Amino acid sequence: MPKFPDVNVELIGHDGNAYSVLGRVARALEAGGASREDIDLFYDDATSGDYDHLLSTCREYVNVC
């Protein structure tokens, strides 16, 4: 279960660029009411590894479809 289960982000079929993925998820978190602190924590965690880690972190925070 993601930390923000009510936030859905469609990544399949969109640009797979890491910055694009980060932006889509961050905007969705903001629209879903996440605090700036939560969004910063997401960024810090998501950028602390490789691309696979980024995607895994996205799934920890939001519903990815």
N, C-alpha and C. Protein backbone atom coordinates (compact mmCIF):
# COMPACT_ATOMS: atom_id res chain seq x y z
N MET A 1 0.85 -1.18 0.00
CA MET A 1 0.00 0.00 0.00
C MET A 1 0.90 1.24 0.00
N PRO A 2 0.70 2.13 -0.98
CA PRO A 2 1.53 3.34 -1.02
C PRO A 2 1.19 4.31 0.12
N LYS A 3 2.12 5.21 0.39
CA LYS A 3 1.92 6.21 1.44
C LYS A 3 0.74 7.13 1.14
N PHE A 4 0.48 7.36 -0.15
CA PHE A 4 -0.64 8.20 -0.58
C PHE A 4 -1.53 7.38 -1.50
N PRO A 5 -2.36 6.51 -0.92
CA PRO A 5 -3.15 5.56 -1.73
C PRO A 5 -4.21 6.22 -2.61
N ASP A 6 -4.58 7.45 -2.31
CA ASP A 6 -5.59 8.14 -3.12
C ASP A 6 -5.00 8.89 -4.31
N VAL A 7 -3.68 8.87 -4.42
CA VAL A 7 -3.01 9.57 -5.53
C VAL A 7 -2.63 8.54 -6.59
N ASN A 8 -3.17 8.74 -7.79
CA ASN A 8 -2.89 7.85 -8.92
C ASN A 8 -2.07 8.60 -9.97
N VAL A 9 -1.03 7.95 -10.48
CA VAL A 9 -0.18 8.56 -11.49
C VAL A 9 -0.04 7.57 -12.64
N GLU A 10 -0.40 8.03 -13.83
CA GLU A 10 -0.25 7.20 -15.01
C GLU A 10 1.14 7.43 -15.60
N LEU A 11 1.96 6.39 -15.58
CA LEU A 11 3.31 6.48 -16.14
C LEU A 11 3.45 5.64 -17.40
N ILE A 12 2.63 4.62 -17.52
CA ILE A 12 2.73 3.73 -18.68
C ILE A 12 2.29 4.50 -19.92
N GLY A 13 3.14 4.45 -20.95
CA GLY A 13 2.83 5.14 -22.19
C GLY A 13 3.27 6.59 -22.23
N HIS A 14 3.93 7.06 -21.17
CA HIS A 14 4.43 8.43 -21.12
C HIS A 14 5.95 8.41 -21.18
N ASP A 15 6.52 9.58 -21.32
CA ASP A 15 7.97 9.72 -21.38
C ASP A 15 8.60 9.04 -20.16
N GLY A 16 9.56 8.16 -20.40
CA GLY A 16 10.22 7.44 -19.34
C GLY A 16 11.44 8.14 -18.77
N ASN A 17 11.65 9.37 -19.17
CA ASN A 17 12.76 10.16 -18.66
C ASN A 17 12.61 10.33 -17.15
N ALA A 18 13.68 10.16 -16.41
CA ALA A 18 13.63 10.22 -14.95
C ALA A 18 13.06 11.55 -14.46
N TYR A 19 13.45 12.65 -15.10
CA TYR A 19 12.95 13.96 -14.67
C TYR A 19 11.46 14.09 -14.94
N SER A 20 11.01 13.52 -16.02
CA SER A 20 9.59 13.54 -16.34
C SER A 20 8.81 12.74 -15.31
N VAL A 21 9.31 11.58 -14.94
CA VAL A 21 8.67 10.74 -13.93
C VAL A 21 8.62 11.48 -12.60
N LEU A 22 9.73 12.07 -12.18
CA LEU A 22 9.77 12.83 -10.93
C LEU A 22 8.74 13.94 -10.93
N GLY A 23 8.67 14.67 -12.03
CA GLY A 23 7.74 15.78 -12.12
C GLY A 23 6.29 15.34 -12.07
N ARG A 24 5.96 14.28 -12.79
CA ARG A 24 4.58 13.78 -12.80
C ARG A 24 4.14 13.36 -11.39
N VAL A 25 5.01 12.63 -10.71
CA VAL A 25 4.66 12.15 -9.37
C VAL A 25 4.60 13.32 -8.39
N ALA A 26 5.55 14.23 -8.45
CA ALA A 26 5.55 15.39 -7.54
C ALA A 26 4.30 16.23 -7.73
N ARG A 27 3.90 16.48 -8.98
CA ARG A 27 2.69 17.26 -9.23
C ARG A 27 1.45 16.53 -8.71
N ALA A 28 1.43 15.22 -8.89
CA ALA A 28 0.29 14.44 -8.39
C ALA A 28 0.24 14.46 -6.87
N LEU A 29 1.39 14.37 -6.23
CA LEU A 29 1.43 14.44 -4.77
C LEU A 29 0.92 15.79 -4.29
N GLU A 30 1.37 16.85 -4.94
CA GLU A 30 0.94 18.20 -4.56
C GLU A 30 -0.57 18.34 -4.74
N ALA A 31 -1.08 17.89 -5.88
CA ALA A 31 -2.52 17.96 -6.15
C ALA A 31 -3.31 17.10 -5.17
N GLY A 32 -2.69 16.04 -4.68
CA GLY A 32 -3.35 15.14 -3.74
C GLY A 32 -3.25 15.59 -2.29
N GLY A 33 -2.63 16.75 -2.06
CA GLY A 33 -2.59 17.31 -0.72
C GLY A 33 -1.37 16.97 0.10
N ALA A 34 -0.35 16.39 -0.52
CA ALA A 34 0.88 16.07 0.22
C ALA A 34 1.58 17.36 0.64
N SER A 35 2.21 17.31 1.78
CA SER A 35 2.94 18.48 2.27
C SER A 35 4.24 18.65 1.48
N ARG A 36 4.79 19.85 1.55
CA ARG A 36 6.08 20.12 0.89
C ARG A 36 7.15 19.18 1.45
N GLU A 37 7.07 18.91 2.74
CA GLU A 37 8.03 18.01 3.38
C GLU A 37 7.93 16.60 2.78
N ASP A 38 6.71 16.11 2.59
CA ASP A 38 6.53 14.78 1.99
C ASP A 38 7.06 14.74 0.56
N ILE A 39 6.82 15.79 -0.20
CA ILE A 39 7.30 15.84 -1.58
C ILE A 39 8.82 15.89 -1.60
N ASP A 40 9.42 16.65 -0.69
CA ASP A 40 10.89 16.70 -0.60
C ASP A 40 11.46 15.34 -0.22
N LEU A 41 10.81 14.65 0.71
CA LEU A 41 11.25 13.30 1.09
C LEU A 41 11.17 12.35 -0.10
N PHE A 42 10.09 12.47 -0.88
CA PHE A 42 9.97 11.66 -2.10
C PHE A 42 11.13 11.93 -3.03
N TYR A 43 11.42 13.20 -3.32
CA TYR A 43 12.52 13.55 -4.21
C TYR A 43 13.85 12.99 -3.70
N ASP A 44 14.11 13.18 -2.42
CA ASP A 44 15.38 12.71 -1.84
C ASP A 44 15.52 11.20 -1.98
N ASP A 45 14.46 10.48 -1.68
CA ASP A 45 14.51 9.02 -1.78
C ASP A 45 14.59 8.58 -3.23
N ALA A 46 13.76 9.16 -4.09
CA ALA A 46 13.70 8.73 -5.49
C ALA A 46 15.00 8.98 -6.24
N THR A 47 15.73 10.00 -5.86
CA THR A 47 16.97 10.34 -6.56
C THR A 47 18.22 9.76 -5.91
N SER A 48 18.02 8.89 -4.92
CA SER A 48 19.17 8.34 -4.20
C SER A 48 19.70 7.05 -4.82
N GLY A 49 19.16 6.66 -5.96
CA GLY A 49 19.61 5.41 -6.59
C GLY A 49 19.46 5.48 -8.09
N ASP A 50 19.38 4.33 -8.70
CA ASP A 50 19.26 4.25 -10.15
C ASP A 50 17.80 4.37 -10.60
N TYR A 51 17.55 4.19 -11.89
CA TYR A 51 16.21 4.35 -12.45
C TYR A 51 15.23 3.35 -11.85
N ASP A 52 15.67 2.12 -11.63
CA ASP A 52 14.80 1.12 -11.01
C ASP A 52 14.40 1.54 -9.61
N HIS A 53 15.33 2.13 -8.87
CA HIS A 53 15.02 2.64 -7.53
C HIS A 53 13.99 3.78 -7.62
N LEU A 54 14.13 4.64 -8.61
CA LEU A 54 13.18 5.72 -8.82
C LEU A 54 11.77 5.16 -8.99
N LEU A 55 11.61 4.17 -9.86
CA LEU A 55 10.29 3.60 -10.10
C LEU A 55 9.74 2.90 -8.86
N SER A 56 10.61 2.22 -8.14
CA SER A 56 10.20 1.55 -6.91
C SER A 56 9.73 2.57 -5.88
N THR A 57 10.43 3.68 -5.77
CA THR A 57 10.05 4.73 -4.83
C THR A 57 8.71 5.34 -5.22
N CYS A 58 8.49 5.52 -6.52
CA CYS A 58 7.19 6.04 -6.98
C CYS A 58 6.07 5.14 -6.50
N ARG A 59 6.27 3.82 -6.62
CA ARG A 59 5.24 2.87 -6.19
C ARG A 59 5.06 2.88 -4.67
N GLU A 60 6.08 3.28 -3.92
CA GLU A 60 5.96 3.37 -2.46
C GLU A 60 5.12 4.60 -2.06
N TYR A 61 5.08 5.61 -2.90
CA TYR A 61 4.38 6.83 -2.56
C TYR A 61 2.99 6.95 -3.16
N VAL A 62 2.81 6.47 -4.41
CA VAL A 62 1.53 6.64 -5.11
C VAL A 62 1.14 5.36 -5.84
N ASN A 63 -0.11 5.32 -6.30
CA ASN A 63 -0.56 4.23 -7.16
C ASN A 63 -0.09 4.53 -8.58
N VAL A 64 0.74 3.66 -9.12
CA VAL A 64 1.25 3.84 -10.48
C VAL A 64 0.43 2.97 -11.42
N CYS A 65 -0.05 3.59 -12.48
CA CYS A 65 -0.81 2.82 -13.47
C CYS A 65 -0.29 3.12 -14.86
